[in-house]
Structures are given as C-alpha cells and as structure tokens.
Protein backbone atom coordinates (compact mmCIF):
# COMPACT_ATOMS: atom_id res chain seq x y z
CA MET A 1 -0.01 0.01 0.00
CA ALA A 2 1.37 3.43 -0.92
CA LEU A 3 2.56 5.56 1.97
CA ASP A 4 0.39 8.43 0.70
CA ARG A 5 -2.63 6.48 1.94
CA LEU A 6 -1.18 6.22 5.44
CA ARG A 7 -0.30 9.78 6.28
CA GLY A 8 -2.94 10.65 8.79
CA PHE A 9 -5.80 12.42 7.07
CA ARG A 10 -3.71 13.04 3.97
CA THR A 11 -5.73 12.40 0.88
CA ARG A 12 -4.99 10.93 -2.48
CA ASP A 13 -3.76 14.15 -4.04
CA GLY A 14 -1.33 14.97 -1.21
CA GLY A 15 -3.36 17.78 0.38
CA ASN A 16 -6.36 18.35 2.59
CA ARG A 17 -8.78 17.44 -0.18
CA VAL A 18 -10.47 14.11 -0.76
CA THR A 19 -10.46 13.15 -4.45
CA GLY A 20 -12.10 10.06 -5.88
CA SER A 21 -14.55 10.11 -2.97
CA ALA A 22 -17.61 12.31 -2.51
CA THR A 23 -20.34 12.78 0.07
CA ALA A 24 -23.64 14.64 -0.03
CA GLN A 25 -27.07 14.51 1.54
CA LEU A 26 -30.58 14.27 0.13
CA HIS A 27 -33.17 16.18 2.14
CA GLN A 28 -36.94 16.32 2.08
CA PHE A 29 -38.05 19.67 3.49
CA ARG A 30 -41.66 20.78 3.46
CA GLY A 31 -42.44 18.20 0.80
CA GLU A 32 -39.65 19.26 -1.59
CA LEU A 33 -36.29 17.55 -2.23
CA PHE A 34 -32.89 19.22 -1.96
CA VAL A 35 -29.44 17.76 -2.59
CA VAL A 36 -26.79 19.50 -0.43
CA ASP A 37 -23.06 19.31 0.26
CA GLY A 38 -23.61 18.26 3.88
CA TRP A 39 -25.38 19.29 7.02
CA ALA A 40 -24.92 22.99 7.85
CA ARG A 41 -22.04 23.41 5.41
CA GLY A 42 -21.71 24.45 1.82
CA THR A 43 -24.59 24.89 -0.56
CA GLY A 44 -27.30 22.88 -2.26
CA GLU A 45 -29.79 22.60 -5.09
CA ARG A 46 -33.61 22.62 -4.96
CA LEU A 47 -35.03 19.66 -6.86
CA GLY A 48 -38.65 20.27 -5.94
CA SER A 49 -40.74 17.20 -6.70
CA PRO A 50 -38.59 15.47 -9.31
CA GLY A 51 -39.39 12.40 -11.33
CA ILE A 52 -37.35 9.25 -10.89
CA THR A 53 -34.94 10.01 -13.73
CA GLU A 54 -34.51 13.67 -12.71
CA LEU A 55 -33.75 12.69 -9.10
CA GLY A 56 -31.24 10.00 -10.06
CA THR A 57 -29.52 12.27 -12.56
CA ALA A 58 -29.21 15.13 -10.04
CA VAL A 59 -27.64 12.89 -7.39
CA VAL A 60 -25.17 11.28 -9.79
CA ARG A 61 -24.24 14.70 -11.23
CA LYS A 62 -23.66 16.21 -7.77
CA LEU A 63 -21.41 13.39 -6.57
CA SER A 64 -19.57 13.04 -9.88
CA HIS A 65 -18.58 16.71 -9.76
CA GLU A 66 -17.31 16.47 -6.18
CA ARG A 67 -15.34 13.28 -6.92
CA ALA A 68 -13.54 15.11 -9.70
CA THR A 69 -12.89 18.42 -7.91
CA GLY A 70 -12.25 17.09 -4.40
CA ARG A 71 -13.54 18.31 -1.05
CA PRO A 72 -11.85 19.37 2.16
CA LEU A 73 -11.88 16.62 4.78
CA LEU A 74 -11.08 18.92 7.69
CA THR A 75 -11.48 22.67 7.80
CA THR A 76 -9.82 25.68 9.36
CA PRO A 77 -11.90 28.26 11.25
CA ALA A 78 -11.77 30.48 8.13
CA ASP A 79 -13.04 27.57 5.99
CA GLU A 80 -15.88 26.96 8.45
CA ARG A 81 -16.93 30.61 8.28
CA ARG A 82 -17.06 30.42 4.46
CA GLN A 83 -19.04 27.19 4.59
CA HIS A 84 -21.49 28.61 7.11
CA SER A 85 -21.89 31.72 4.95
CA ALA A 86 -22.67 29.52 1.95
CA TRP A 87 -25.13 27.53 4.06
CA ASP A 88 -26.87 30.72 5.16
CA LYS A 89 -27.32 31.73 1.52
CA PHE A 90 -28.62 28.31 0.60
CA CYS A 91 -31.19 28.36 3.40
CA ARG A 92 -32.42 31.87 2.68
CA ARG A 93 -32.23 32.02 -1.10
CA THR A 94 -32.80 28.41 -2.16
CA ALA A 95 -34.88 26.91 0.63
CA GLY A 96 -36.54 30.24 1.47
CA VAL A 97 -36.13 30.12 5.27
CA GLU A 98 -33.78 31.32 7.98
CA PRO A 99 -31.02 28.76 8.71
CA ALA A 100 -32.53 27.83 12.08
CA ARG A 101 -35.83 27.06 10.32
CA TYR A 102 -34.34 24.70 7.75
CA GLN A 103 -35.15 21.36 9.35
CA PRO A 104 -35.71 18.55 6.86
CA GLU A 105 -38.28 15.93 7.74
CA ARG A 106 -36.12 13.25 6.15
CA ARG A 107 -32.45 12.90 5.29
CA LEU A 108 -30.33 10.37 3.41
CA LEU A 109 -26.53 10.27 3.44
CA LEU A 110 -24.87 9.74 0.06
CA LEU A 111 -21.36 8.43 -0.62
CA TRP A 112 -19.47 7.61 -3.80
CA ASP A 113 -16.02 6.13 -3.35
CA ALA A 114 -13.93 3.19 -4.55
CA ASP A 115 -16.71 0.82 -3.48
CA GLY A 116 -19.27 2.59 -5.65
CA LEU A 117 -22.32 4.80 -5.11
CA ARG A 118 -24.08 4.12 -1.81
CA PHE A 119 -26.61 5.62 0.57
CA SER A 120 -27.55 5.36 4.22
CA ASN A 121 -30.52 6.49 6.25
CA GLY A 122 -28.16 6.34 9.32
CA PRO A 123 -26.55 7.39 11.47
CA PRO A 124 -25.87 4.10 13.24
CA ASP A 125 -22.27 3.62 14.35
CA PRO A 126 -20.66 2.50 12.15
CA VAL A 127 -22.67 3.84 9.21
CA GLU A 128 -24.32 1.06 7.22
CA TRP A 129 -24.30 1.71 3.49
CA SER A 130 -26.56 0.27 0.80
CA PRO A 131 -25.43 0.13 -2.87
CA LEU A 132 -26.85 2.13 -5.79
CA ASP A 133 -26.22 1.58 -9.50
CA SER A 134 -24.38 4.73 -10.61
CA ASP A 135 -24.76 3.73 -14.29
CA ASN A 136 -28.55 3.76 -14.08
CA ALA A 137 -30.11 7.10 -13.10
CA ASP A 138 -33.60 5.59 -13.13
CA ALA A 139 -32.57 2.88 -10.67
CA VAL A 140 -30.90 5.46 -8.40
CA GLY A 141 -33.94 7.73 -8.40
CA ARG A 142 -36.39 4.85 -7.88
CA GLU A 143 -34.46 3.44 -4.90
CA LEU A 144 -34.00 6.80 -3.23
CA GLN A 145 -37.70 7.63 -3.60
CA ARG A 146 -38.61 4.26 -2.11
CA VAL A 147 -36.32 4.70 0.90
CA LEU A 148 -37.45 8.28 1.55
CA ALA A 149 -41.03 7.10 1.67
CA GLU A 150 -40.12 4.51 4.29
CA VAL A 151 -38.04 6.78 6.58
CA ALA A 152 -39.97 8.02 9.58
CA PRO A 153 -40.19 11.85 9.56
CA ARG A 154 -38.24 13.82 12.14
CA TRP A 155 -40.30 16.49 13.86
CA PRO A 156 -38.94 20.05 13.50
CA VAL A 157 -36.59 21.24 16.22
CA VAL A 158 -37.63 24.54 17.78
CA GLY A 159 -34.77 24.93 20.25
CA SER A 160 -31.30 23.47 20.88
CA ALA A 161 -28.44 23.89 23.32
CA LEU A 162 -24.95 22.60 24.00
CA VAL A 163 -23.77 21.37 27.39
CA SER A 164 -19.95 21.45 27.60
CA ILE A 165 -18.10 19.89 30.50
CA VAL A 166 -15.05 22.08 31.17
CA GLY A 167 -13.10 21.06 34.25
CA GLY A 168 -15.42 21.12 37.23
CA ARG A 169 -18.25 23.04 35.60
CA TYR A 170 -21.06 22.83 33.11
CA LEU A 171 -21.23 25.51 30.42
CA ILE A 172 -24.73 25.60 28.90
CA THR A 173 -25.05 27.47 25.62
CA PRO A 174 -28.14 28.17 23.48
CA LYS A 175 -27.88 27.57 19.75
CA SER A 176 -29.40 29.31 16.77
CA GLY A 177 -29.23 26.86 13.88
CA VAL A 178 -25.58 25.75 13.77
CA TYR A 179 -24.32 28.74 15.73
CA LEU A 180 -23.52 28.94 19.45
CA ARG A 181 -24.95 32.08 21.03
CA ASP A 182 -24.59 33.87 24.31
CA PRO A 183 -25.39 34.03 27.16
CA ILE A 184 -23.32 31.10 28.36
CA ILE A 185 -24.67 29.72 31.62
CA ASP A 186 -21.84 28.70 33.96
CA MET A 187 -22.80 26.19 36.64
CA PRO A 188 -20.60 24.34 39.15
CA ALA A 189 -20.68 20.59 38.72
CA ASP A 190 -21.76 20.04 42.32
CA GLY A 191 -25.05 21.92 41.86
CA SER A 192 -28.39 20.16 42.19
CA VAL A 193 -29.95 18.30 39.27
CA ASP A 194 -33.03 20.48 39.66
CA VAL A 195 -30.99 23.63 39.04
CA LEU A 196 -29.06 21.95 36.22
CA GLY A 197 -32.31 20.95 34.53
CA ARG A 198 -33.91 24.35 34.96
CA LEU A 199 -30.85 26.07 33.44
CA ALA A 200 -30.84 23.64 30.51
CA LEU A 201 -34.53 24.30 29.87
CA LYS A 202 -33.85 28.03 30.12
CA SER A 203 -31.19 27.70 27.45
CA LEU A 204 -33.59 25.78 25.20
CA ASP A 205 -36.18 28.54 25.73
CA ARG A 206 -33.58 31.13 24.80
CA SER A 207 -32.74 29.19 21.66
CA GLU A 208 -36.34 29.40 20.48
CA THR A 209 -36.25 33.22 20.67
CA LEU A 210 -33.04 33.31 18.61
CA ALA A 211 -34.31 31.36 15.60
CA ASP A 212 -35.07 34.48 13.55
CA ASP A 213 -32.50 36.80 15.17
CA ASN A 214 -29.58 37.19 12.77
CA THR A 215 -28.40 40.63 13.88
CA GLY A 216 -24.83 41.39 14.85
CA ASP A 217 -21.64 39.36 14.83
CA TYR A 218 -22.79 36.65 17.20
CA GLY A 219 -19.61 34.63 16.61
CA ALA A 220 -17.54 37.46 18.09
CA SER A 221 -20.10 37.90 20.84
CA PHE A 222 -19.80 34.24 21.81
CA ARG A 223 -15.99 34.36 21.82
CA ASP A 224 -16.16 37.44 24.06
CA ALA A 225 -18.46 35.55 26.44
CA LEU A 226 -15.93 32.69 26.62
CA LEU A 227 -13.14 35.16 27.27
CA TRP A 228 -15.12 36.77 30.07
CA LEU A 229 -15.50 33.34 31.69
CA GLY A 230 -11.77 32.72 31.37
CA VAL A 231 -12.18 29.69 29.10
CA PRO A 232 -9.69 29.46 26.20
CA THR A 233 -11.36 28.71 22.87
CA HIS A 234 -9.23 25.61 22.28
CA GLU A 235 -10.18 24.21 25.69
CA PHE A 236 -13.87 24.80 24.99
CA ASP A 237 -13.59 23.15 21.56
CA ALA A 238 -11.91 20.09 23.07
CA ALA A 239 -14.35 19.66 25.95
CA PRO A 240 -16.77 16.70 25.99
CA THR A 241 -20.33 17.73 25.17
CA LEU A 242 -23.97 16.77 25.26
CA HIS A 243 -26.35 18.16 22.64
CA LEU A 244 -29.90 19.01 23.71
CA SER A 245 -32.82 19.70 21.39
CA ARG A 246 -36.59 20.18 21.71
CA ASN A 247 -39.01 19.58 18.87
CA ASP A 248 -42.34 21.21 18.12
CA ARG A 249 -44.14 18.50 20.10
CA GLY A 250 -42.28 19.44 23.29
CA GLU A 251 -40.09 16.32 23.19
CA VAL A 252 -36.54 16.84 24.53
CA LEU A 253 -33.75 14.78 22.97
CA VAL A 254 -30.18 14.25 24.17
CA LEU A 255 -27.37 13.35 21.77
CA HIS A 256 -24.76 11.35 23.68
CA GLU A 257 -21.87 9.43 22.04
CA LEU A 258 -23.56 9.43 18.61
CA THR A 259 -26.80 8.10 20.06
CA GLU A 260 -29.90 10.30 20.35
CA VAL A 261 -32.20 9.51 23.24
CA SER A 262 -35.71 10.90 23.64
CA LEU A 263 -36.64 12.03 27.16
CA GLY A 264 -40.17 13.02 26.18
CA ASP A 265 -41.79 16.09 27.67
CA VAL A 266 -39.51 16.23 30.70
CA ASP A 267 -39.42 18.44 33.77
CA ALA A 268 -36.31 20.08 35.19
CA ILE A 269 -35.39 17.26 37.56
CA ALA A 270 -35.64 14.60 34.86
CA LEU A 271 -33.55 16.62 32.39
CA GLY A 272 -30.99 17.56 35.04
CA THR A 273 -30.69 13.94 36.08
CA ALA A 274 -30.10 12.82 32.46
CA VAL A 275 -27.41 15.48 31.92
CA ALA A 276 -25.70 14.61 35.22
CA THR A 277 -25.86 10.88 34.47
CA TRP A 278 -24.14 11.20 31.10
CA GLY A 279 -22.01 14.25 31.76
CA GLY A 280 -21.16 13.65 35.42
CA PRO A 281 -18.42 11.06 34.83
CA LEU A 282 -16.62 13.57 32.57
CA VAL A 283 -16.68 16.44 35.07
CA GLY A 284 -13.21 17.22 36.31
CA SER A 285 -11.66 14.67 33.97
CA ASP A 286 -7.95 15.23 33.56
CA ALA A 287 -8.35 14.34 29.90
CA PHE A 288 -9.86 17.72 29.10
CA ALA A 289 -8.26 20.08 31.58
CA THR A 290 -4.68 19.56 30.56
CA LEU A 291 -2.40 19.95 27.57
CA PHE A 292 -4.07 19.01 24.24
CA GLY A 293 -5.26 15.92 22.42
CA PRO A 294 -8.88 16.13 21.21
CA LYS A 295 -9.52 17.56 17.73
CA THR A 296 -5.89 18.04 16.82
CA ALA A 297 -2.72 16.23 15.74
CA TRP A 298 0.72 15.94 17.25
CA ILE A 299 4.16 14.40 16.77
CA ALA A 300 6.32 12.79 19.46
CA VAL A 301 10.05 12.48 18.84
CA ALA A 302 12.57 10.75 21.10
CA ASP A 303 16.27 11.51 21.46
CA SER A 304 16.02 14.91 19.80
CA ALA A 305 16.08 18.56 20.78
CA ALA A 306 13.24 21.02 20.14
CA GLU A 307 15.46 22.97 17.71
CA GLU A 308 16.09 19.81 15.67
CA VAL A 309 12.35 19.16 15.40
CA THR A 310 11.57 22.72 14.33
CA ASN A 311 14.26 22.41 11.66
CA ALA A 312 12.97 19.04 10.46
CA LEU A 313 9.46 20.47 10.17
CA GLU A 314 10.88 23.47 8.29
CA LEU A 315 8.90 25.91 10.39
CA ARG A 316 8.94 29.52 9.20
CA ASP A 317 8.60 32.80 11.08
CA LEU A 318 9.64 31.13 14.35
CA VAL A 319 8.83 32.97 17.54
CA GLU A 320 9.42 31.99 21.14
CA VAL A 321 6.10 31.86 22.98
CA ASP A 322 4.66 31.06 26.35
CA THR A 323 3.75 27.38 26.11
CA GLU A 324 0.10 27.79 27.11
CA ASP A 325 -0.36 30.68 24.67
CA GLY A 326 1.34 28.61 21.99
CA ILE A 327 -1.13 25.76 22.48
CA GLY A 328 -3.98 28.17 21.89
CA ARG A 329 -2.28 29.68 18.86
CA SER A 330 -1.54 26.28 17.31
CA ALA A 331 -5.23 25.38 17.59
CA ASP A 332 -5.84 27.95 14.84
CA SER A 333 -2.71 27.69 12.72
CA GLY A 334 0.94 26.76 12.73
CA VAL A 335 2.77 24.35 15.01
CA LEU A 336 4.01 24.60 18.60
CA VAL A 337 7.17 22.66 19.43
CA VAL A 338 7.86 22.08 23.12
CA GLY A 339 10.01 19.78 25.19
CA PRO A 340 11.58 17.61 26.09
CA VAL A 341 8.70 16.27 28.20
CA ASP A 342 9.65 13.00 29.91
CA GLY A 343 12.23 12.53 27.17
CA TRP A 344 9.92 13.41 24.26
CA VAL A 345 9.76 16.54 22.13
CA LEU A 346 6.16 17.29 21.16
CA ALA A 347 4.91 19.23 18.13
CA VAL A 348 1.21 20.07 17.99
CA GLY A 349 -0.98 22.06 15.67
CA MET A 350 -4.11 22.18 13.55
CA SER A 351 -1.89 22.33 10.46
CA LEU A 352 -0.59 18.85 11.29
CA LEU A 353 -4.20 17.67 11.20
CA LEU A 354 -5.14 19.47 7.98
CA ASP A 355 -1.93 18.55 6.18
CA SER A 356 -0.23 15.65 7.90
CA PRO A 357 3.55 15.33 7.70
CA ASN A 358 5.51 12.49 6.19
CA ALA A 359 6.48 10.62 9.35
CA ALA A 360 8.91 8.39 7.48
CA ALA A 361 10.77 11.38 6.00
CA LEU A 362 10.87 13.08 9.39
CA SER A 363 12.40 10.01 11.01
CA ALA A 364 15.10 10.01 8.33
CA ARG A 365 15.87 13.70 8.83
CA LEU A 366 16.02 13.37 12.60
CA ASN A 367 17.66 9.94 12.66
CA ALA A 368 15.17 9.05 15.38
CA PRO A 369 11.80 7.30 15.75
CA VAL A 370 8.83 9.59 15.00
CA GLN A 371 5.26 9.02 16.11
CA TYR A 372 2.27 10.81 14.61
CA PHE A 373 -1.18 10.93 16.21
CA ALA A 374 -4.36 12.58 14.97
CA SER A 375 -7.91 12.65 16.23
CA HIS A 376 -11.04 14.58 15.35
CA ARG A 377 -14.29 13.50 16.95
CA VAL A 378 -16.56 15.49 14.60
CA VAL A 379 -15.69 13.42 11.52
CA GLU A 380 -14.51 10.53 13.76
CA GLY A 381 -11.18 10.39 11.98
CA HIS A 382 -8.36 8.80 13.99
CA GLN A 383 -4.76 7.91 13.17
CA TRP A 384 -1.58 6.66 14.76
CA THR A 385 1.69 6.08 12.94
CA LEU A 386 5.14 4.89 14.02
CA ALA A 387 8.11 5.51 11.72
CA ALA A 388 11.77 4.63 12.19
CA GLU A 389 14.86 4.68 10.00
CA GLY A 390 13.00 6.40 7.23
CA ALA A 391 10.12 3.94 6.94
CA VAL A 392 6.63 3.43 8.38
CA VAL A 393 6.75 0.55 10.83
CA ARG A 394 3.10 0.61 11.87
CA SER A 395 0.14 2.76 10.95
CA PHE A 396 -3.61 2.60 11.54
CA ARG A 397 -6.15 5.03 10.08
CA TYR A 398 -9.94 5.11 10.40
CA LEU A 399 -12.52 7.52 9.00
CA ARG A 400 -16.07 6.97 10.22
CA GLU A 401 -17.61 9.15 7.50
CA THR A 402 -16.90 6.45 4.93
CA GLY A 403 -16.10 3.49 7.18
CA GLU A 404 -12.64 3.50 5.63
CA ARG A 405 -9.94 1.62 7.55
CA GLU A 406 -6.31 1.40 6.43
CA GLU A 407 -3.31 -0.09 8.15
CA THR A 408 0.19 -1.33 7.55
CA GLY A 409 2.55 -3.33 9.67
CA ALA A 410 1.76 -5.66 12.54
CA PRO A 411 -0.39 -4.35 15.44
CA THR A 412 1.51 -3.65 18.66
CA ASP A 413 0.58 -5.07 22.07
CA ALA A 414 -1.09 -1.78 22.96
CA GLU A 415 -3.31 -2.07 19.90
CA HIS A 416 -4.23 -5.65 20.70
CA SER A 417 -5.34 -4.43 24.12
CA ILE A 418 -7.92 -2.02 22.63
CA GLY A 419 -9.32 -4.60 20.25
CA VAL A 420 -7.88 -3.39 16.95
CA ASP A 421 -7.96 -6.95 15.58
CA ALA A 422 -11.75 -7.11 15.58
CA ASP A 423 -13.43 -6.61 12.20
CA ASP A 424 -15.97 -4.23 13.73
CA PHE A 425 -13.39 -2.17 15.65
CA THR A 426 -14.30 1.52 15.43
CA PRO A 427 -11.77 3.64 17.33
CA GLY A 428 -12.50 6.85 19.20
CA GLU A 429 -10.25 9.59 20.49
CA ASP A 430 -9.69 7.70 23.76
CA ASP A 431 -8.05 4.90 21.76
CA VAL A 432 -5.67 7.39 20.18
CA PHE A 433 -4.71 8.66 23.64
CA ALA A 434 -4.27 5.08 24.89
CA ILE A 435 -1.86 4.23 22.06
CA ALA A 436 0.04 7.47 22.62
CA ARG A 437 0.32 6.61 26.33
CA ALA A 438 1.71 3.16 25.51
CA TRP A 439 4.08 4.25 22.76
CA SER A 440 5.37 7.51 24.19
CA ILE A 441 3.36 10.13 26.06
CA ASP A 442 -0.35 10.93 26.35
CA PRO A 443 -0.72 14.73 26.18
CA THR A 444 -4.11 14.57 27.89
CA HIS A 445 -2.27 13.37 31.03
CA VAL A 446 0.30 16.14 30.98
CA LYS A 447 -0.40 19.25 33.01
CA VAL A 448 0.54 22.53 31.35
CA GLU A 449 2.42 23.59 34.48
CA SER A 450 4.73 20.56 34.16
CA LEU A 451 5.90 21.66 30.70
CA PRO A 452 8.80 23.93 29.87
CA ILE A 453 7.55 27.49 30.27
CA ARG A 454 8.54 28.47 26.76
CA GLY A 455 8.21 26.79 23.36
CA TRP A 456 8.61 27.62 19.69
CA TRP A 457 5.75 28.42 17.34
CA GLY A 458 5.98 28.75 13.57
CA GLU A 459 4.14 28.27 10.30
CA ARG A 460 4.81 25.17 8.21
CA ALA A 461 6.37 25.46 4.80
CA PRO A 462 4.82 23.38 2.00
CA GLU A 463 6.28 19.91 2.44
CA ARG A 464 8.40 18.39 -0.28
CA ARG A 465 7.20 14.89 -1.03
C-alpha cells in the first residue's frame, strides 16, 4: 500500500482534499427535495418534486462533480466561516427560510467512493451503506424515492443547546441553527440536578427566541463571552459535550456518544438527572483540563532537541512563545514545538491535522523514531503512525464518515489491548490517547504547568514529497 494512503488524514492528491470520494445529503423539506453538500455546510440545489430520472440524474451529477474536484476533509476556522456563509445563503435564497428554520423531515446520506455509489438512512455507528447503481439514473432515483417514503419523519426542532463539560463546571449554551450564542450559563458541577435541569430548559427557551435573530456578529459575541468566563477557545472546543434539542411536540432529545435519546416532555429534575448521568463522569476529567489531544494532531520524537524538530518540520517565522499561549495559537494555525517532556519533544498544531507530515521522511531527517497521532471526533477520523529509520513501521487510520480503515505493519501489544484486531473495531479519540500513552506520552495526562515554560511556534512550509 502506498505511503500516501497512510499519512494521517492526507488524501490521495497529497493535500487536505479528498479526491475520488464524494459525500452529499438528500433532504426532504416541506415536501420538496434538496441535494446538499452536507449538514450545515456548503450549498445545495432545490429539486422540488422530481421524477425518478430527474432525481437520479441530479444525485449522480452532484457526486460526480465532487469526486472530480475534491472536497476538504477537515477545515480551518476560516473555511468553516465560508461554509457557514454559503449555508446561510442556501437556506435563505434556495430553501426560502432562515437557517434555524431549515429542518428537513427526512435525510439520506450519500457516498461515492472506490466501493461505488451508496446511501444510508443512518446514522448508526458505524454507518451502514446500501449500494446504488451509478450507471442507471432511473434505478438510483427509484431506490431513493422508495427509501425516503419509508423513513420516519423527524419532527422540527424549535430549540437546541450545547452542554460542555469544562473542568469542574457545566457551560450551557443556546444555539441558533448551527451557531452557538450567548449568554453562556456557567454552573458548578456540584449543583443540584433540579438547578441543572432548569438552566438547561432556560437555554432551550432562549434558543427558540433566537431562531429568527440574525443581527450582529454573534460569533464574536460568543468568543467574548468565553473570554469573560476565562475559558480558552481551544479548551472549549476540546471539551466533551452533550447536545440538547426540543421539537415542536415538546419532546426533549439528548445526543450522547452518537446516540440520540428521547426524554419526552420532561421536567427540570428529569432533564438535570439525564445530563448529570451522562455528563457527570466527565466532570473534572484530567483528559480535558490539561495539555491538548482532542480535535488536533501531534508528533512525538525521542532523542532529539526542540530545535532539531523545528528544523525538520521546516517551520517559518519562528517565535518563542509562552507554552500555554502557543497551544492556543496552534489550535488555529501553525505548530508549537515544546520539550523535552519526559524525554519526548512534542509538536502540535491544527496544520498537522489538515496537512499531515511524512512521518517516514521526518524520522530519516532526525535519525530518530517519529510518532504521529491525529484525532477529530466530529468526523470521527483517527490515526496513529510509528516511523523509524526512514520507513513506516506501523500505521492505523480510520474515518467513520466512509467506514474506511487502512493499516500497515503488525499491530503492537497496545493495539491488541484495545481490540484493533476485531473486524468491527471503530476507534475513538480515547483509543488514540491510549496508544500514545503506551508508545510515548499521552498529552491529555500532561499538566501545562509541568511543561517547559517556553516553546517555539511557527508556520509550516509546504512539504516536499
């Protein structure tokens, strides 16, 4: 297997774009069909009430175009803002509603990759795909119409909120469509379930009033609210979460670990109890109050100095930074190099996730073993790679979006212990941390105060391959 296929989330063309593979969604909203790039991102096309041939042709055309042009697998904050802007325009101009009001009754996931054109009415974990005949537009349209007719409708959501567990506190945030809004309710974890439930219901009520409020820069307002609470953005983004929603029948639903559970028309105590039951074990967890790990990528290098690692990565515009500030900066762009930490130099940054390095080449440059880890719970993409003497010794990569699993080399004892041998093994971020802990160092178990006070931050130069 070519090494290109093993470099973290690196895609076939050597960049942060997936080529030869395409995803989309088919929505039924207010009786009309729409084919869109994805949920709450990009744009879409109104199909109305198409015939079988028209529906099949539109789906094949949409996915064929994306397979040829490629799509970003992971996005920077700037990319996300552009995608949200495109989604806003789609909702208002094409679907004719405010983004918070675009709530399809039915959705189908669409995928076209090396295994052919497929669909799912998921999302079970892992996603179960059913084949479609890409050479026969009539057959595609007929099957999609049949499945849509059988899918139970989802009642419109009128309010939603996010519960984030940051250290020893709950942060409860109302949402307007895909956007987080203020005020952020800050509650100690040791509060009563009655109060927790009442505050969660209050946030859902607030969300309902925000559905048609699109005034002001609410992204900046939310960031200011986080800053006022003293919560760094990267720490908030990495925190474990529960998603709450309430539909127009008064039913409250909780999304926990990819499973949505209906609580019915609950009172404050019942809702607070549910949140505490699922969120309570995560309160105060060291895994989210420490260095980094979730929704990022990092490199661990033994027997090297930080300067050698910065040189091997060819970082530009190097500046010496406070380590904690550098972690926050690297969550947006660039790479922070710090260490040694228990004998390991660590390099972390969003750019290592968006454009993963060639671990084999790095090991050759440094004349030392190099380990690469990546994890992003949103797309459920996870990777670990071990390289030595200029070659990949072991690598495992999984992407839940497509169910794709790739590996080379023999599994290590640590991997056997987490069940990697099983055919239905679907890793999560905790598995990435467990492998890092066994191979070198788990950054989620390293306190910031135990690190060197200063590190080096710089932008990556385009890598020569």
